[in-house]
Amino acid sequence: MSKLLNYICIFIITGGLLFACHSPESLKVKRPPLKVSCVPFVGYTPLLIAREKGFFKAQGIDVELSYVDYSRFQQADFIAGKYDGIGLPLGNLIILSAKNPDVQAVMVVDESTGADVVVAQSDIKTILNLKRKKLGANLGGFSEVFVTEMLKISKLTSDDVSLVKVDALEVPQRLQNNAIQAGHTWEPHLSEALKLGAHILFTSKQTPGLILDLIAFRGEVIRDRPQDIGAFVRGWLQALSYWEANIPEGNAIASKGLNIPIKTISFEGIDLTDLTENQKYFQSDSPNYIYKTAKKYADFFIRTGNVTRLPNLETLFNSSFLTSPPSLKP
């Protein structure tokens, strides 16, 4: 009888151990990190802060960050499947969607209100002085639209200048070598250009609502991992709040993470977009209604031949992760 009881006890204990090993908690499959790529621009600093301060992990996700200097390489890698998400300006999203239609922006991260600039050589005093001069911009993206808007102010068109394809980080050296006489750039490249003798000719303060930076994800990632996308948005917003309350520390994190001088990191010329401001971009009565701005870019790219068909703007944005204030707690 005692042997029977021993066998029963062993059976119960073994069964309990097996159940424990296969409990729902132990059966949880670790999800792969969300792979997100951005260019080194101050508006994407919340990514670095969220990683450094553990806000993404507190929301239950891992985020793998990649910073790419050249936007064309960044977008090519995204199309090739290297990243789940991408940080990019609205105009570039329009171009990207023509090649990769299954992509959706889930939040606006900032509006450029002076951070984007056209710098020029010292003898170019006004926009009119650009006539028959070489103007550098990242053609086929938001940069081309920005400099075109600048030319309009002085009743010029792109036919009045020689547009040269130049990335933002190349502008200082191209100006010094006289390969261009003016060019579109931003920090930290702006400070370098000014140090080499250039001056600011025009800023995005004069094109309100035009330059918006976004975070977009592949459609299949949004469909397969909606909870992770929600967690990403919450972690981002928590990092933004932390940065605004701890500016010196946030700036130091960005300087270290991007390997750029801390003096080039500033809120000046940029409106970082919190939850309430995000929601306003998706309200039809808002002066900066995102669909209206997106249509402006799309029409421009159709006109210039950068895209051959208008993207479906209704499916290009997914504001469902902004419909109610997300909890900032895990």
C-alpha atoms as a PDB file:
ATOM      1  CA  MET A   1       0.000   0.000   0.000  1.00  0.00           C
ATOM      2  CA  SER A   2       2.833   2.371   0.898  1.00  0.00           C
ATOM      3  CA  LYS A   3       4.467   1.698  -2.470  1.00  0.00           C
ATOM      4  CA  LEU A   4       1.225   2.607  -4.205  1.00  0.00           C
ATOM      5  CA  LEU A   5       1.001   5.854  -2.244  1.00  0.00           C
ATOM      6  CA  ASN A   6       4.610   6.635  -3.160  1.00  0.00           C
ATOM      7  CA  TYR A   7       3.861   6.082  -6.864  1.00  0.00           C
ATOM      8  CA  ILE A   8       0.779   8.304  -6.604  1.00  0.00           C
ATOM      9  CA  CYS A   9       2.787  11.061  -4.917  1.00  0.00           C
ATOM     10  CA  ILE A  10       5.545  10.815  -7.520  1.00  0.00           C
ATOM     11  CA  PHE A  11       2.920  10.975 -10.298  1.00  0.00           C
ATOM     12  CA  ILE A  12       1.271  14.061  -8.777  1.00  0.00           C
ATOM     13  CA  ILE A  13       4.592  15.872  -8.238  1.00  0.00           C
ATOM     14  CA  THR A  14       5.838  15.008 -11.728  1.00  0.00           C
ATOM     15  CA  GLY A  15       2.575  16.126 -13.263  1.00  0.00           C
ATOM     16  CA  GLY A  16       2.742  19.384 -11.336  1.00  0.00           C
ATOM     17  CA  LEU A  17       6.263  20.049 -12.523  1.00  0.00           C
ATOM     18  CA  LEU A  18       5.305  19.329 -16.130  1.00  0.00           C
ATOM     19  CA  PHE A  19       2.315  21.668 -15.847  1.00  0.00           C
ATOM     20  CA  ALA A  20       4.522  24.378 -14.399  1.00  0.00           C
ATOM     21  CA  CYS A  21       7.000  23.977 -17.241  1.00  0.00           C
ATOM     22  CA  HIS A  22       4.213  24.293 -19.794  1.00  0.00           C
ATOM     23  CA  SER A  23       2.178  26.988 -18.071  1.00  0.00           C
ATOM     24  CA  PRO A  24       1.000  29.930 -20.188  1.00  0.00           C
ATOM     25  CA  GLU A  25       3.801  32.052 -18.713  1.00  0.00           C
ATOM     26  CA  SER A  26       6.498  29.609 -19.754  1.00  0.00           C
ATOM     27  CA  LEU A  27       4.911  29.107 -23.170  1.00  0.00           C
ATOM     28  CA  LYS A  28       5.169  32.799 -24.018  1.00  0.00           C
ATOM     29  CA  VAL A  29       7.169  33.213 -27.198  1.00  0.00           C
ATOM     30  CA  LYS A  30       9.646  36.056 -27.090  1.00  0.00           C
ATOM     31  CA  ARG A  31       8.738  38.405 -29.896  1.00  0.00           C
ATOM     32  CA  PRO A  32      11.510  39.747 -32.093  1.00  0.00           C
ATOM     33  CA  PRO A  33      12.445  43.397 -31.615  1.00  0.00           C
ATOM     34  CA  LEU A  34      10.805  46.066 -33.723  1.00  0.00           C
ATOM     35  CA  LYS A  35      13.519  47.213 -36.097  1.00  0.00           C
ATOM     36  CA  VAL A  36      13.241  50.942 -36.732  1.00  0.00           C
ATOM     37  CA  SER A  37      15.475  53.169 -38.853  1.00  0.00           C
ATOM     38  CA  CYS A  38      15.838  56.962 -38.812  1.00  0.00           C
ATOM     39  CA  VAL A  39      18.180  59.617 -40.144  1.00  0.00           C
ATOM     40  CA  PRO A  40      20.177  61.562 -37.525  1.00  0.00           C
ATOM     41  CA  PHE A  41      17.668  64.375 -36.936  1.00  0.00           C
ATOM     42  CA  VAL A  42      16.794  65.882 -33.559  1.00  0.00           C
ATOM     43  CA  GLY A  43      13.091  65.068 -33.948  1.00  0.00           C
ATOM     44  CA  TYR A  44      13.821  61.363 -33.532  1.00  0.00           C
ATOM     45  CA  THR A  45      15.587  61.837 -30.179  1.00  0.00           C
ATOM     46  CA  PRO A  46      12.672  60.242 -28.212  1.00  0.00           C
ATOM     47  CA  LEU A  47      13.754  56.915 -29.723  1.00  0.00           C
ATOM     48  CA  LEU A  48      17.132  57.201 -28.034  1.00  0.00           C
ATOM     49  CA  ILE A  49      15.635  58.355 -24.745  1.00  0.00           C
ATOM     50  CA  ALA A  50      13.048  55.560 -24.720  1.00  0.00           C
ATOM     51  CA  ARG A  51      15.816  53.032 -25.212  1.00  0.00           C
ATOM     52  CA  GLU A  52      18.183  54.607 -22.680  1.00  0.00           C
ATOM     53  CA  LYS A  53      15.555  55.068 -19.959  1.00  0.00           C
ATOM     54  CA  GLY A  54      13.867  51.710 -20.546  1.00  0.00           C
ATOM     55  CA  PHE A  55      10.480  53.087 -21.624  1.00  0.00           C
ATOM     56  CA  PHE A  56      10.102  50.613 -24.486  1.00  0.00           C
ATOM     57  CA  LYS A  57      11.010  47.678 -22.250  1.00  0.00           C
ATOM     58  CA  ALA A  58       8.526  48.924 -19.640  1.00  0.00           C
ATOM     59  CA  GLN A  59       5.866  48.672 -22.342  1.00  0.00           C
ATOM     60  CA  GLY A  60       6.899  45.085 -23.055  1.00  0.00           C
ATOM     61  CA  ILE A  61       8.762  45.506 -26.339  1.00  0.00           C
ATOM     62  CA  ASP A  62      12.316  45.604 -27.626  1.00  0.00           C
ATOM     63  CA  VAL A  63      13.197  48.197 -30.229  1.00  0.00           C
ATOM     64  CA  GLU A  64      16.309  47.902 -32.360  1.00  0.00           C
ATOM     65  CA  LEU A  65      17.399  51.295 -33.670  1.00  0.00           C
ATOM     66  CA  SER A  66      19.433  52.040 -36.766  1.00  0.00           C
ATOM     67  CA  TYR A  67      20.528  55.495 -37.849  1.00  0.00           C
ATOM     68  CA  VAL A  68      21.365  55.953 -41.526  1.00  0.00           C
ATOM     69  CA  ASP A  69      22.993  59.111 -42.896  1.00  0.00           C
ATOM     70  CA  TYR A  70      21.570  58.839 -46.401  1.00  0.00           C
ATOM     71  CA  SER A  71      17.791  58.694 -46.718  1.00  0.00           C
ATOM     72  CA  ARG A  72      17.974  56.926 -50.079  1.00  0.00           C
ATOM     73  CA  PHE A  73      19.869  54.018 -48.507  1.00  0.00           C
ATOM     74  CA  GLN A  74      17.482  53.985 -45.546  1.00  0.00           C
ATOM     75  CA  GLN A  75      14.429  53.729 -47.788  1.00  0.00           C
ATOM     76  CA  ALA A  76      16.040  51.108 -50.040  1.00  0.00           C
ATOM     77  CA  ASP A  77      16.775  48.955 -46.988  1.00  0.00           C
ATOM     78  CA  PHE A  78      13.194  49.399 -45.768  1.00  0.00           C
ATOM     79  CA  ILE A  79      11.823  48.291 -49.122  1.00  0.00           C
ATOM     80  CA  ALA A  80      14.182  45.294 -49.009  1.00  0.00           C
ATOM     81  CA  GLY A  81      12.679  44.252 -45.658  1.00  0.00           C
ATOM     82  CA  LYS A  82      15.574  45.194 -43.381  1.00  0.00           C
ATOM     83  CA  TYR A  83      13.372  47.313 -41.070  1.00  0.00           C
ATOM     84  CA  ASP A  84       9.859  47.060 -39.618  1.00  0.00           C
ATOM     85  CA  GLY A  85       9.493  50.792 -39.178  1.00  0.00           C
ATOM     86  CA  ILE A  86      11.001  53.944 -40.554  1.00  0.00           C
ATOM     87  CA  GLY A  87      11.229  57.574 -39.533  1.00  0.00           C
ATOM     88  CA  LEU A  88      10.898  59.905 -42.486  1.00  0.00           C
ATOM     89  CA  PRO A  89       9.339  63.174 -43.669  1.00  0.00           C
ATOM     90  CA  LEU A  90       5.816  63.174 -45.087  1.00  0.00           C
ATOM     91  CA  GLY A  91       6.994  63.945 -48.614  1.00  0.00           C
ATOM     92  CA  ASN A  92       9.368  60.980 -48.581  1.00  0.00           C
ATOM     93  CA  LEU A  93       6.555  58.726 -47.352  1.00  0.00           C
ATOM     94  CA  ILE A  94       4.578  59.622 -50.489  1.00  0.00           C
ATOM     95  CA  ILE A  95       7.514  58.539 -52.657  1.00  0.00           C
ATOM     96  CA  LEU A  96       8.095  55.402 -50.584  1.00  0.00           C
ATOM     97  CA  SER A  97       4.443  54.363 -50.844  1.00  0.00           C
ATOM     98  CA  ALA A  98       4.698  54.402 -54.643  1.00  0.00           C
ATOM     99  CA  LYS A  99       7.312  51.643 -54.403  1.00  0.00           C
ATOM    100  CA  ASN A 100       6.000  49.937 -51.281  1.00  0.00           C
ATOM    101  CA  PRO A 101       2.229  50.575 -51.027  1.00  0.00           C
ATOM    102  CA  ASP A 102       1.735  48.408 -47.927  1.00  0.00           C
ATOM    103  CA  VAL A 103       3.096  50.982 -45.481  1.00  0.00           C
ATOM    104  CA  GLN A 104       1.274  53.176 -42.956  1.00  0.00           C
ATOM    105  CA  ALA A 105       2.304  56.133 -40.836  1.00  0.00           C
ATOM    106  CA  VAL A 106       1.130  55.734 -37.229  1.00  0.00           C
ATOM    107  CA  MET A 107       2.184  59.065 -35.729  1.00  0.00           C
ATOM    108  CA  VAL A 108       3.583  62.499 -36.468  1.00  0.00           C
ATOM    109  CA  VAL A 109       6.743  63.086 -34.464  1.00  0.00           C
ATOM    110  CA  ASP A 110       7.436  66.726 -35.240  1.00  0.00           C
ATOM    111  CA  GLU A 111       6.795  69.724 -37.444  1.00  0.00           C
ATOM    112  CA  SER A 112       9.795  71.661 -38.693  1.00  0.00           C
ATOM    113  CA  THR A 113       9.254  75.316 -37.803  1.00  0.00           C
ATOM    114  CA  GLY A 114      12.728  76.579 -38.681  1.00  0.00           C
ATOM    115  CA  ALA A 115      14.990  73.548 -38.275  1.00  0.00           C
ATOM    116  CA  ASP A 116      15.124  72.968 -42.042  1.00  0.00           C
ATOM    117  CA  VAL A 117      17.128  75.690 -43.721  1.00  0.00           C
ATOM    118  CA  VAL A 118      18.599  76.747 -47.026  1.00  0.00           C
ATOM    119  CA  VAL A 119      22.124  77.999 -46.465  1.00  0.00           C
ATOM    120  CA  ALA A 120      23.992  79.983 -49.070  1.00  0.00           C
ATOM    121  CA  GLN A 121      27.416  81.338 -49.890  1.00  0.00           C
ATOM    122  CA  SER A 122      28.106  84.810 -48.515  1.00  0.00           C
ATOM    123  CA  ASP A 123      27.509  86.605 -51.844  1.00  0.00           C
ATOM    124  CA  ILE A 124      23.975  85.156 -52.179  1.00  0.00           C
ATOM    125  CA  LYS A 125      22.063  87.798 -50.244  1.00  0.00           C
ATOM    126  CA  THR A 126      18.496  87.073 -51.387  1.00  0.00           C
ATOM    127  CA  ILE A 127      16.496  84.281 -52.984  1.00  0.00           C
ATOM    128  CA  LEU A 128      16.518  86.286 -56.241  1.00  0.00           C
ATOM    129  CA  ASN A 129      20.317  86.000 -56.242  1.00  0.00           C
ATOM    130  CA  LEU A 130      19.869  82.250 -56.793  1.00  0.00           C
ATOM    131  CA  LYS A 131      18.843  82.833 -60.381  1.00  0.00           C
ATOM    132  CA  ARG A 132      21.066  80.750 -62.688  1.00  0.00           C
ATOM    133  CA  LYS A 133      22.886  79.383 -59.612  1.00  0.00           C
ATOM    134  CA  LYS A 134      23.221  75.795 -58.380  1.00  0.00           C
ATOM    135  CA  LEU A 135      20.800  74.908 -55.580  1.00  0.00           C
ATOM    136  CA  GLY A 136      21.365  71.657 -53.704  1.00  0.00           C
ATOM    137  CA  ALA A 137      18.457  69.531 -52.462  1.00  0.00           C
ATOM    138  CA  ASN A 138      17.608  65.876 -52.053  1.00  0.00           C
ATOM    139  CA  LEU A 139      15.621  65.732 -55.275  1.00  0.00           C
ATOM    140  CA  GLY A 140      12.630  63.443 -55.551  1.00  0.00           C
ATOM    141  CA  GLY A 141      11.562  63.947 -51.934  1.00  0.00           C
ATOM    142  CA  PHE A 142      10.333  66.529 -49.451  1.00  0.00           C
ATOM    143  CA  SER A 143      13.525  68.546 -49.907  1.00  0.00           C
ATOM    144  CA  GLU A 144      12.654  69.358 -53.514  1.00  0.00           C
ATOM    145  CA  VAL A 145       9.186  70.552 -52.485  1.00  0.00           C
ATOM    146  CA  PHE A 146      10.701  72.712 -49.736  1.00  0.00           C
ATOM    147  CA  VAL A 147      13.148  74.537 -52.016  1.00  0.00           C
ATOM    148  CA  THR A 148      10.446  74.919 -54.678  1.00  0.00           C
ATOM    149  CA  GLU A 149       8.218  76.642 -52.110  1.00  0.00           C
ATOM    150  CA  MET A 150      11.147  78.911 -51.244  1.00  0.00           C
ATOM    151  CA  LEU A 151      11.595  79.896 -54.899  1.00  0.00           C
ATOM    152  CA  LYS A 152       7.878  80.677 -55.224  1.00  0.00           C
ATOM    153  CA  ILE A 153       8.191  83.379 -52.571  1.00  0.00           C
ATOM    154  CA  SER A 154      10.385  85.379 -54.946  1.00  0.00           C
ATOM    155  CA  LYS A 155       8.308  84.383 -57.967  1.00  0.00           C
ATOM    156  CA  LEU A 156      10.987  82.009 -59.220  1.00  0.00           C
ATOM    157  CA  THR A 157      10.599  78.413 -60.378  1.00  0.00           C
ATOM    158  CA  SER A 158      12.953  75.468 -60.514  1.00  0.00           C
ATOM    159  CA  ASP A 159      13.630  76.434 -64.142  1.00  0.00           C
ATOM    160  CA  ASP A 160      15.316  79.617 -62.908  1.00  0.00           C
ATOM    161  CA  VAL A 161      17.973  77.674 -60.981  1.00  0.00           C
ATOM    162  CA  SER A 162      20.038  74.571 -61.525  1.00  0.00           C
ATOM    163  CA  LEU A 163      18.807  71.965 -59.052  1.00  0.00           C
ATOM    164  CA  VAL A 164      21.532  69.563 -57.915  1.00  0.00           C
ATOM    165  CA  LYS A 165      20.885  66.332 -56.020  1.00  0.00           C
ATOM    166  CA  VAL A 166      22.679  66.732 -52.683  1.00  0.00           C
ATOM    167  CA  ASP A 167      22.049  65.131 -49.298  1.00  0.00           C
ATOM    168  CA  ALA A 168      21.862  67.351 -46.222  1.00  0.00           C
ATOM    169  CA  LEU A 169      25.185  66.183 -44.770  1.00  0.00           C
ATOM    170  CA  GLU A 170      26.987  66.985 -48.061  1.00  0.00           C
ATOM    171  CA  VAL A 171      25.874  70.616 -48.216  1.00  0.00           C
ATOM    172  CA  PRO A 172      28.696  72.229 -46.166  1.00  0.00           C
ATOM    173  CA  GLN A 173      31.480  70.697 -48.263  1.00  0.00           C
ATOM    174  CA  ARG A 174      29.670  71.271 -51.564  1.00  0.00           C
ATOM    175  CA  LEU A 175      29.272  74.953 -50.678  1.00  0.00           C
ATOM    176  CA  GLN A 176      32.933  75.266 -49.810  1.00  0.00           C
ATOM    177  CA  ASN A 177      33.954  73.571 -53.069  1.00  0.00           C
ATOM    178  CA  ASN A 178      31.555  75.830 -55.019  1.00  0.00           C
ATOM    179  CA  ALA A 179      29.785  72.743 -56.402  1.00  0.00           C
ATOM    180  CA  ILE A 180      26.592  74.481 -55.263  1.00  0.00           C
ATOM    181  CA  GLN A 181      25.880  78.043 -54.193  1.00  0.00           C
ATOM    182  CA  ALA A 182      23.041  77.179 -51.794  1.00  0.00           C
ATOM    183  CA  GLY A 183      21.553  74.027 -50.306  1.00  0.00           C
ATOM    184  CA  HIS A 184      18.929  72.549 -47.999  1.00  0.00           C
ATOM    185  CA  THR A 185      20.216  71.101 -44.732  1.00  0.00           C
ATOM    186  CA  TRP A 186      19.663  70.891 -40.958  1.00  0.00           C
ATOM    187  CA  GLU A 187      21.621  70.329 -37.760  1.00  0.00           C
ATOM    188  CA  PRO A 188      24.293  69.206 -37.138  1.00  0.00           C
ATOM    189  CA  HIS A 189      25.274  70.012 -40.747  1.00  0.00           C
ATOM    190  CA  LEU A 190      23.921  73.566 -40.449  1.00  0.00           C
ATOM    191  CA  SER A 191      26.487  74.466 -37.779  1.00  0.00           C
ATOM    192  CA  GLU A 192      29.261  73.056 -39.957  1.00  0.00           C
ATOM    193  CA  ALA A 193      28.107  75.130 -42.946  1.00  0.00           C
ATOM    194  CA  LEU A 194      27.935  78.316 -40.855  1.00  0.00           C
ATOM    195  CA  LYS A 195      31.419  77.647 -39.496  1.00  0.00           C
ATOM    196  CA  LEU A 196      32.677  77.443 -43.103  1.00  0.00           C
ATOM    197  CA  GLY A 197      31.229  80.875 -43.911  1.00  0.00           C
ATOM    198  CA  ALA A 198      27.723  80.145 -45.200  1.00  0.00           C
ATOM    199  CA  HIS A 199      24.663  81.999 -43.946  1.00  0.00           C
ATOM    200  CA  ILE A 200      20.970  81.171 -43.577  1.00  0.00           C
ATOM    201  CA  LEU A 201      18.896  82.277 -46.553  1.00  0.00           C
ATOM    202  CA  PHE A 202      15.535  80.646 -45.791  1.00  0.00           C
ATOM    203  CA  THR A 203      13.955  78.439 -43.109  1.00  0.00           C
ATOM    204  CA  SER A 204      10.927  76.193 -42.685  1.00  0.00           C
ATOM    205  CA  LYS A 205       9.448  78.828 -40.401  1.00  0.00           C
ATOM    206  CA  GLN A 206       8.289  80.401 -43.664  1.00  0.00           C
ATOM    207  CA  THR A 207       6.521  77.201 -44.814  1.00  0.00           C
ATOM    208  CA  PRO A 208       4.241  76.386 -41.843  1.00  0.00           C
ATOM    209  CA  GLY A 209       2.801  72.875 -41.818  1.00  0.00           C
ATOM    210  CA  LEU A 210       4.819  71.711 -44.827  1.00  0.00           C
ATOM    211  CA  ILE A 211       7.544  69.577 -43.255  1.00  0.00           C
ATOM    212  CA  LEU A 212       6.240  66.867 -40.952  1.00  0.00           C
ATOM    213  CA  ASP A 213       8.305  63.928 -39.743  1.00  0.00           C
ATOM    214  CA  LEU A 214       6.534  60.621 -39.205  1.00  0.00           C
ATOM    215  CA  ILE A 215       7.001  57.083 -37.983  1.00  0.00           C
ATOM    216  CA  ALA A 216       5.644  54.488 -40.399  1.00  0.00           C
ATOM    217  CA  PHE A 217       5.510  50.688 -40.246  1.00  0.00           C
ATOM    218  CA  ARG A 218       5.001  47.924 -42.729  1.00  0.00           C
ATOM    219  CA  GLY A 219       1.353  47.018 -43.118  1.00  0.00           C
ATOM    220  CA  GLU A 220       1.949  43.384 -42.162  1.00  0.00           C
ATOM    221  CA  VAL A 221       3.702  44.441 -38.944  1.00  0.00           C
ATOM    222  CA  ILE A 222       0.741  46.619 -37.981  1.00  0.00           C
ATOM    223  CA  ARG A 223      -1.670  43.769 -38.736  1.00  0.00           C
ATOM    224  CA  ASP A 224       0.373  41.050 -37.012  1.00  0.00           C
ATOM    225  CA  ARG A 225       1.652  43.055 -34.029  1.00  0.00           C
ATOM    226  CA  PRO A 226      -0.849  45.824 -33.218  1.00  0.00           C
ATOM    227  CA  GLN A 227      -0.136  45.574 -29.480  1.00  0.00           C
ATOM    228  CA  ASP A 228       3.554  46.143 -30.129  1.00  0.00           C
ATOM    229  CA  ILE A 229       2.831  49.184 -32.287  1.00  0.00           C
ATOM    230  CA  GLY A 230       0.634  50.572 -29.505  1.00  0.00           C
ATOM    231  CA  ALA A 231       3.441  49.909 -27.018  1.00  0.00           C
ATOM    232  CA  PHE A 232       5.887  51.676 -29.323  1.00  0.00           C
ATOM    233  CA  VAL A 233       3.687  54.781 -29.479  1.00  0.00           C
ATOM    234  CA  ARG A 234       3.289  54.783 -25.683  1.00  0.00           C
ATOM    235  CA  GLY A 235       7.026  54.415 -25.144  1.00  0.00           C
ATOM    236  CA  TRP A 236       7.718  57.229 -27.599  1.00  0.00           C
ATOM    237  CA  LEU A 237       5.252  59.597 -25.916  1.00  0.00           C
ATOM    238  CA  GLN A 238       6.670  58.779 -22.493  1.00  0.00           C
ATOM    239  CA  ALA A 239      10.180  59.547 -23.769  1.00  0.00           C
ATOM    240  CA  LEU A 240       8.986  62.832 -25.265  1.00  0.00           C
ATOM    241  CA  SER A 241       7.443  63.885 -21.941  1.00  0.00           C
ATOM    242  CA  TYR A 242      10.635  62.906 -20.139  1.00  0.00           C
ATOM    243  CA  TRP A 243      12.789  64.914 -22.557  1.00  0.00           C
ATOM    244  CA  GLU A 244      10.655  68.026 -22.211  1.00  0.00           C
ATOM    245  CA  ALA A 245      10.971  67.773 -18.416  1.00  0.00           C
ATOM    246  CA  ASN A 246      14.700  66.917 -18.477  1.00  0.00           C
ATOM    247  CA  ILE A 247      16.119  68.789 -21.454  1.00  0.00           C
ATOM    248  CA  PRO A 248      19.848  68.734 -20.506  1.00  0.00           C
ATOM    249  CA  GLU A 249      19.794  64.981 -19.853  1.00  0.00           C
ATOM    250  CA  GLY A 250      17.780  64.289 -23.014  1.00  0.00           C
ATOM    251  CA  ASN A 251      20.169  66.376 -25.089  1.00  0.00           C
ATOM    252  CA  ALA A 252      23.134  64.496 -23.625  1.00  0.00           C
ATOM    253  CA  ILE A 253      21.524  61.150 -24.512  1.00  0.00           C
ATOM    254  CA  ALA A 254      20.974  62.336 -28.095  1.00  0.00           C
ATOM    255  CA  SER A 255      24.504  63.713 -28.392  1.00  0.00           C
ATOM    256  CA  LYS A 256      26.013  60.423 -27.250  1.00  0.00           C
ATOM    257  CA  GLY A 257      23.652  58.229 -29.271  1.00  0.00           C
ATOM    258  CA  LEU A 258      24.102  60.165 -32.518  1.00  0.00           C
ATOM    259  CA  ASN A 259      27.731  61.134 -31.932  1.00  0.00           C
ATOM    260  CA  ILE A 260      27.033  64.802 -32.668  1.00  0.00           C
ATOM    261  CA  PRO A 261      27.930  67.961 -30.697  1.00  0.00           C
ATOM    262  CA  ILE A 262      25.464  68.641 -27.885  1.00  0.00           C
ATOM    263  CA  LYS A 263      25.277  72.324 -28.878  1.00  0.00           C
ATOM    264  CA  THR A 264      23.587  71.324 -32.162  1.00  0.00           C
ATOM    265  CA  ILE A 265      20.683  69.664 -30.311  1.00  0.00           C
ATOM    266  CA  SER A 266      17.885  72.103 -29.612  1.00  0.00           C
ATOM    267  CA  PHE A 267      14.112  72.495 -29.543  1.00  0.00           C
ATOM    268  CA  GLU A 268      14.541  75.686 -31.569  1.00  0.00           C
ATOM    269  CA  GLY A 269      12.868  75.422 -34.958  1.00  0.00           C
ATOM    270  CA  ILE A 270      11.028  72.215 -34.199  1.00  0.00           C
ATOM    271  CA  ASP A 271       7.615  71.460 -32.706  1.00  0.00           C
ATOM    272  CA  LEU A 272       7.759  68.019 -31.117  1.00  0.00           C
ATOM    273  CA  THR A 273       4.312  66.470 -31.422  1.00  0.00           C
ATOM    274  CA  ASP A 274       2.577  65.092 -28.338  1.00  0.00           C
ATOM    275  CA  LEU A 275      -0.602  63.014 -28.325  1.00  0.00           C
ATOM    276  CA  THR A 276      -3.021  65.958 -28.490  1.00  0.00           C
ATOM    277  CA  GLU A 277      -1.135  67.586 -31.356  1.00  0.00           C
ATOM    278  CA  ASN A 278      -1.002  64.249 -33.173  1.00  0.00           C
ATOM    279  CA  GLN A 279      -4.760  63.916 -32.962  1.00  0.00           C
ATOM    280  CA  LYS A 280      -5.216  67.402 -34.431  1.00  0.00           C
ATOM    281  CA  TYR A 281      -3.336  66.449 -37.586  1.00  0.00           C
ATOM    282  CA  PHE A 282      -6.070  63.909 -38.300  1.00  0.00           C
ATOM    283  CA  GLN A 283      -8.997  66.287 -37.734  1.00  0.00           C
ATOM    284  CA  SER A 284     -10.455  67.589 -40.982  1.00  0.00           C
ATOM    285  CA  ASP A 285     -11.081  71.065 -39.559  1.00  0.00           C
ATOM    286  CA  SER A 286      -7.428  71.469 -38.549  1.00  0.00           C
ATOM    287  CA  PRO A 287      -5.423  74.033 -40.566  1.00  0.00           C
ATOM    288  CA  ASN A 288      -2.624  71.451 -40.794  1.00  0.00           C
ATOM    289  CA  TYR A 289      -4.876  68.507 -41.713  1.00  0.00           C
ATOM    290  CA  ILE A 290      -2.376  65.846 -42.744  1.00  0.00           C
ATOM    291  CA  TYR A 291      -4.360  64.598 -45.744  1.00  0.00           C
ATOM    292  CA  LYS A 292      -4.367  68.095 -47.230  1.00  0.00           C
ATOM    293  CA  THR A 293      -0.586  68.380 -46.868  1.00  0.00           C
ATOM    294  CA  ALA A 294      -0.081  64.860 -48.224  1.00  0.00           C
ATOM    295  CA  LYS A 295      -2.187  65.730 -51.280  1.00  0.00           C
ATOM    296  CA  LYS A 296       0.023  68.753 -51.891  1.00  0.00           C
ATOM    297  CA  TYR A 297       3.108  66.533 -51.976  1.00  0.00           C
ATOM    298  CA  ALA A 298       1.391  63.884 -54.095  1.00  0.00           C
ATOM    299  CA  ASP A 299       0.259  66.445 -56.680  1.00  0.00           C
ATOM    300  CA  PHE A 300       3.787  67.867 -56.863  1.00  0.00           C
ATOM    301  CA  PHE A 301       5.353  64.446 -57.428  1.00  0.00           C
ATOM    302  CA  ILE A 302       2.810  63.568 -60.094  1.00  0.00           C
ATOM    303  CA  ARG A 303       3.539  66.871 -61.838  1.00  0.00           C
ATOM    304  CA  THR A 304       7.305  66.346 -61.744  1.00  0.00           C
ATOM    305  CA  GLY A 305       7.098  62.672 -62.719  1.00  0.00           C
ATOM    306  CA  ASN A 306       8.529  61.329 -59.465  1.00  0.00           C
ATOM    307  CA  VAL A 307       5.465  59.091 -59.137  1.00  0.00           C
ATOM    308  CA  THR A 308       3.163  57.886 -61.885  1.00  0.00           C
ATOM    309  CA  ARG A 309      -0.009  57.492 -59.844  1.00  0.00           C
ATOM    310  CA  LEU A 310      -1.539  59.135 -56.807  1.00  0.00           C
ATOM    311  CA  PRO A 311      -1.182  56.996 -53.683  1.00  0.00           C
ATOM    312  CA  ASN A 312      -4.299  56.028 -51.764  1.00  0.00           C
ATOM    313  CA  LEU A 313      -4.027  58.599 -49.002  1.00  0.00           C
ATOM    314  CA  GLU A 314      -6.872  56.982 -47.049  1.00  0.00           C
ATOM    315  CA  THR A 315      -4.727  53.904 -46.428  1.00  0.00           C
ATOM    316  CA  LEU A 316      -1.433  55.740 -46.009  1.00  0.00           C
ATOM    317  CA  PHE A 317      -2.159  56.769 -42.412  1.00  0.00           C
ATOM    318  CA  ASN A 318      -3.324  54.730 -39.438  1.00  0.00           C
ATOM    319  CA  SER A 319      -4.325  56.977 -36.556  1.00  0.00           C
ATOM    320  CA  SER A 320      -5.966  54.177 -34.565  1.00  0.00           C
ATOM    321  CA  PHE A 321      -3.094  54.203 -32.052  1.00  0.00           C
ATOM    322  CA  LEU A 322      -3.857  57.858 -31.285  1.00  0.00           C
ATOM    323  CA  THR A 323      -7.626  57.610 -30.752  1.00  0.00           C
ATOM    324  CA  SER A 324      -7.441  57.747 -26.953  1.00  0.00           C
ATOM    325  CA  PRO A 325      -4.751  58.734 -24.485  1.00  0.00           C
ATOM    326  CA  PRO A 326      -2.601  55.606 -24.138  1.00  0.00           C
ATOM    327  CA  SER A 327      -1.501  54.542 -20.680  1.00  0.00           C
ATOM    328  CA  LEU A 328       2.138  55.307 -20.063  1.00  0.00           C
ATOM    329  CA  LYS A 329       2.382  52.456 -17.582  1.00  0.00           C
ATOM    330  CA  PRO A 330       3.353  48.917 -18.562  1.00  0.00           C
END
